[in-house]
C-alpha atoms as a PDB file:
ATOM      1  CA  MET A   1      68.947  63.349  33.821  1.00  0.00           C
ATOM      2  CA  LYS A   2      69.467  66.677  34.436  1.00  0.00           C
ATOM      3  CA  ASP A   3      70.892  69.029  31.677  1.00  0.00           C
ATOM      4  CA  LYS A   4      74.304  69.716  33.023  1.00  0.00           C
ATOM      5  CA  THR A   5      74.808  65.911  33.356  1.00  0.00           C
ATOM      6  CA  ARG A   6      73.863  65.345  29.543  1.00  0.00           C
ATOM      7  CA  LEU A   7      75.752  68.146  28.521  1.00  0.00           C
ATOM      8  CA  ILE A   8      78.854  66.858  30.259  1.00  0.00           C
ATOM      9  CA  LEU A   9      78.310  63.525  28.658  1.00  0.00           C
ATOM     10  CA  ALA A  10      77.550  64.995  25.156  1.00  0.00           C
ATOM     11  CA  GLY A  11      80.740  67.090  25.772  1.00  0.00           C
ATOM     12  CA  ALA A  12      83.133  64.221  26.701  1.00  0.00           C
ATOM     13  CA  ILE A  13      82.012  62.050  23.555  1.00  0.00           C
ATOM     14  CA  LEU A  14      82.566  64.848  21.307  1.00  0.00           C
ATOM     15  CA  LEU A  15      85.896  65.523  22.602  1.00  0.00           C
ATOM     16  CA  LEU A  16      86.945  61.859  22.549  1.00  0.00           C
ATOM     17  CA  ALA A  17      85.728  61.998  18.846  1.00  0.00           C
ATOM     18  CA  VAL A  18      87.724  64.866  18.265  1.00  0.00           C
ATOM     19  CA  VAL A  19      90.873  63.353  19.632  1.00  0.00           C
ATOM     20  CA  LEU A  20      90.754  59.905  17.977  1.00  0.00           C
ATOM     21  CA  PHE A  21      90.056  61.787  14.745  1.00  0.00           C
ATOM     22  CA  VAL A  22      93.032  63.881  14.864  1.00  0.00           C
ATOM     23  CA  LEU A  23      95.099  61.035  16.078  1.00  0.00           C
ATOM     24  CA  GLY A  24      93.822  58.922  12.995  1.00  0.00           C
ATOM     25  CA  MET A  25      94.736  61.365  10.786  1.00  0.00           C
ATOM     26  CA  ILE A  26      98.274  61.618  12.370  1.00  0.00           C
ATOM     27  CA  ILE A  27      99.499  57.752  12.497  1.00  0.00           C
ATOM     28  CA  LEU A  28      96.828  55.767  10.392  1.00  0.00           C
ATOM     29  CA  PRO A  29      97.862  55.103   6.291  1.00  0.00           C
ATOM     30  CA  ASP A  30      96.017  56.785   3.543  1.00  0.00           C
ATOM     31  CA  THR A  31      93.471  54.340   2.561  1.00  0.00           C
ATOM     32  CA  ILE A  32      92.166  52.749   5.810  1.00  0.00           C
ATOM     33  CA  MET A  33      90.398  49.466   6.020  1.00  0.00           C
ATOM     34  CA  MET A  34      87.075  49.570   7.589  1.00  0.00           C
ATOM     35  CA  GLN A  35      86.077  46.088   7.503  1.00  0.00           C
ATOM     36  CA  ILE A  36      87.724  42.804   7.140  1.00  0.00           C
ATOM     37  CA  GLN A  37      86.537  39.362   5.619  1.00  0.00           C
ATOM     38  CA  ALA A  38      86.763  35.821   7.045  1.00  0.00           C
ATOM     39  CA  ASP A  39      89.871  34.964   6.150  1.00  0.00           C
ATOM     40  CA  GLY A  40      91.524  38.112   7.351  1.00  0.00           C
ATOM     41  CA  SER A  41      91.664  40.315   3.908  1.00  0.00           C
ATOM     42  CA  ALA A  42      90.767  43.926   3.408  1.00  0.00           C
ATOM     43  CA  GLY A  43      86.929  43.956   2.877  1.00  0.00           C
ATOM     44  CA  THR A  44      86.169  47.899   2.582  1.00  0.00           C
ATOM     45  CA  THR A  45      88.848  50.271   2.277  1.00  0.00           C
ATOM     46  CA  LEU A  46      88.442  54.149   2.383  1.00  0.00           C
ATOM     47  CA  PRO A  47      90.333  57.388   2.311  1.00  0.00           C
ATOM     48  CA  LYS A  48      91.399  58.269   5.454  1.00  0.00           C
ATOM     49  CA  LEU A  49      89.587  61.343   5.821  1.00  0.00           C
ATOM     50  CA  ILE A  50      85.725  59.609   4.746  1.00  0.00           C
ATOM     51  CA  GLY A  51      86.797  56.749   6.909  1.00  0.00           C
ATOM     52  CA  LEU A  52      87.080  59.175   9.970  1.00  0.00           C
ATOM     53  CA  LEU A  53      84.488  61.717   9.179  1.00  0.00           C
ATOM     54  CA  ILE A  54      82.091  59.222   9.055  1.00  0.00           C
ATOM     55  CA  PRO A  55      82.400  58.090  12.932  1.00  0.00           C
ATOM     56  CA  LEU A  56      82.953  61.703  13.726  1.00  0.00           C
ATOM     57  CA  ALA A  57      79.541  62.761  12.159  1.00  0.00           C
ATOM     58  CA  LEU A  58      77.865  59.949  14.056  1.00  0.00           C
ATOM     59  CA  CYS A  59      79.447  61.095  17.464  1.00  0.00           C
ATOM     60  CA  GLY A  60      78.673  64.738  16.745  1.00  0.00           C
ATOM     61  CA  VAL A  61      75.165  64.644  15.545  1.00  0.00           C
ATOM     62  CA  PHE A  62      73.737  62.166  18.175  1.00  0.00           C
ATOM     63  CA  ALA A  63      75.782  63.647  21.077  1.00  0.00           C
ATOM     64  CA  PHE A  64      73.956  66.698  20.020  1.00  0.00           C
ATOM     65  CA  PHE A  65      70.428  65.051  19.875  1.00  0.00           C
ATOM     66  CA  TYR A  66      71.165  63.355  22.822  1.00  0.00           C
ATOM     67  CA  TYR A  67      71.734  66.805  25.023  1.00  0.00           C
ATOM     68  CA  LYS A  68      69.033  68.264  23.381  1.00  0.00           C
ATOM     69  CA  GLY A  69      66.166  65.505  23.889  1.00  0.00           C
ATOM     70  CA  GLY A  70      68.059  62.924  26.548  1.00  0.00           C
ATOM     71  CA  LYS A  71      66.801  60.016  24.803  1.00  0.00           C
ATOM     72  CA  GLY A  72      69.026  56.698  25.478  1.00  0.00           C
ATOM     73  CA  LYS A  73      69.057  55.975  21.951  1.00  0.00           C
ATOM     74  CA  ASN A  74      71.000  58.680  20.523  1.00  0.00           C
ATOM     75  CA  LEU A  75      73.375  58.240  23.540  1.00  0.00           C
ATOM     76  CA  LEU A  76      73.762  54.628  22.065  1.00  0.00           C
ATOM     77  CA  VAL A  77      74.271  55.782  18.553  1.00  0.00           C
ATOM     78  CA  ALA A  78      77.146  58.667  19.806  1.00  0.00           C
ATOM     79  CA  VAL A  79      78.821  55.353  21.617  1.00  0.00           C
ATOM     80  CA  VAL A  80      78.663  53.099  18.694  1.00  0.00           C
ATOM     81  CA  GLY A  81      80.540  56.216  16.620  1.00  0.00           C
ATOM     82  CA  LEU A  82      83.366  55.699  19.129  1.00  0.00           C
ATOM     83  CA  VAL A  83      83.492  51.939  18.731  1.00  0.00           C
ATOM     84  CA  ILE A  84      83.959  52.552  14.910  1.00  0.00           C
ATOM     85  CA  TYR A  85      86.860  54.481  15.937  1.00  0.00           C
ATOM     86  CA  GLY A  86      88.276  51.602  17.624  1.00  0.00           C
ATOM     87  CA  LEU A  87      87.653  49.118  15.389  1.00  0.00           C
ATOM     88  CA  THR A  88      88.955  50.899  12.646  1.00  0.00           C
ATOM     89  CA  PHE A  89      92.415  51.751  14.660  1.00  0.00           C
ATOM     90  CA  PHE A  90      92.139  47.555  15.542  1.00  0.00           C
ATOM     91  CA  PHE A  91      91.776  46.825  11.524  1.00  0.00           C
ATOM     92  CA  ASN A  92      94.786  49.161  10.525  1.00  0.00           C
ATOM     93  CA  ARG A  93      97.288  48.242  13.164  1.00  0.00           C
END
């Protein structure tokens, strides 16, 4: 891909990750559930700030690596960070 296309894609991932981080800080409870057990109870819980910084860091770091190197696996990890946000919102609805 061209540099401009990689920049737009990495920028879109970063923008979406920041929007989801801010939205999570506003609407999620102070302790968020990151995993659920088979019976539906809370498996792993984290403070809200830490639980939302982990996927933000994944998105940010690997979107930057994708922009610089253009490797698809970096893009995949950045998208996994967005999926983690989606699961976090789903588990804490």
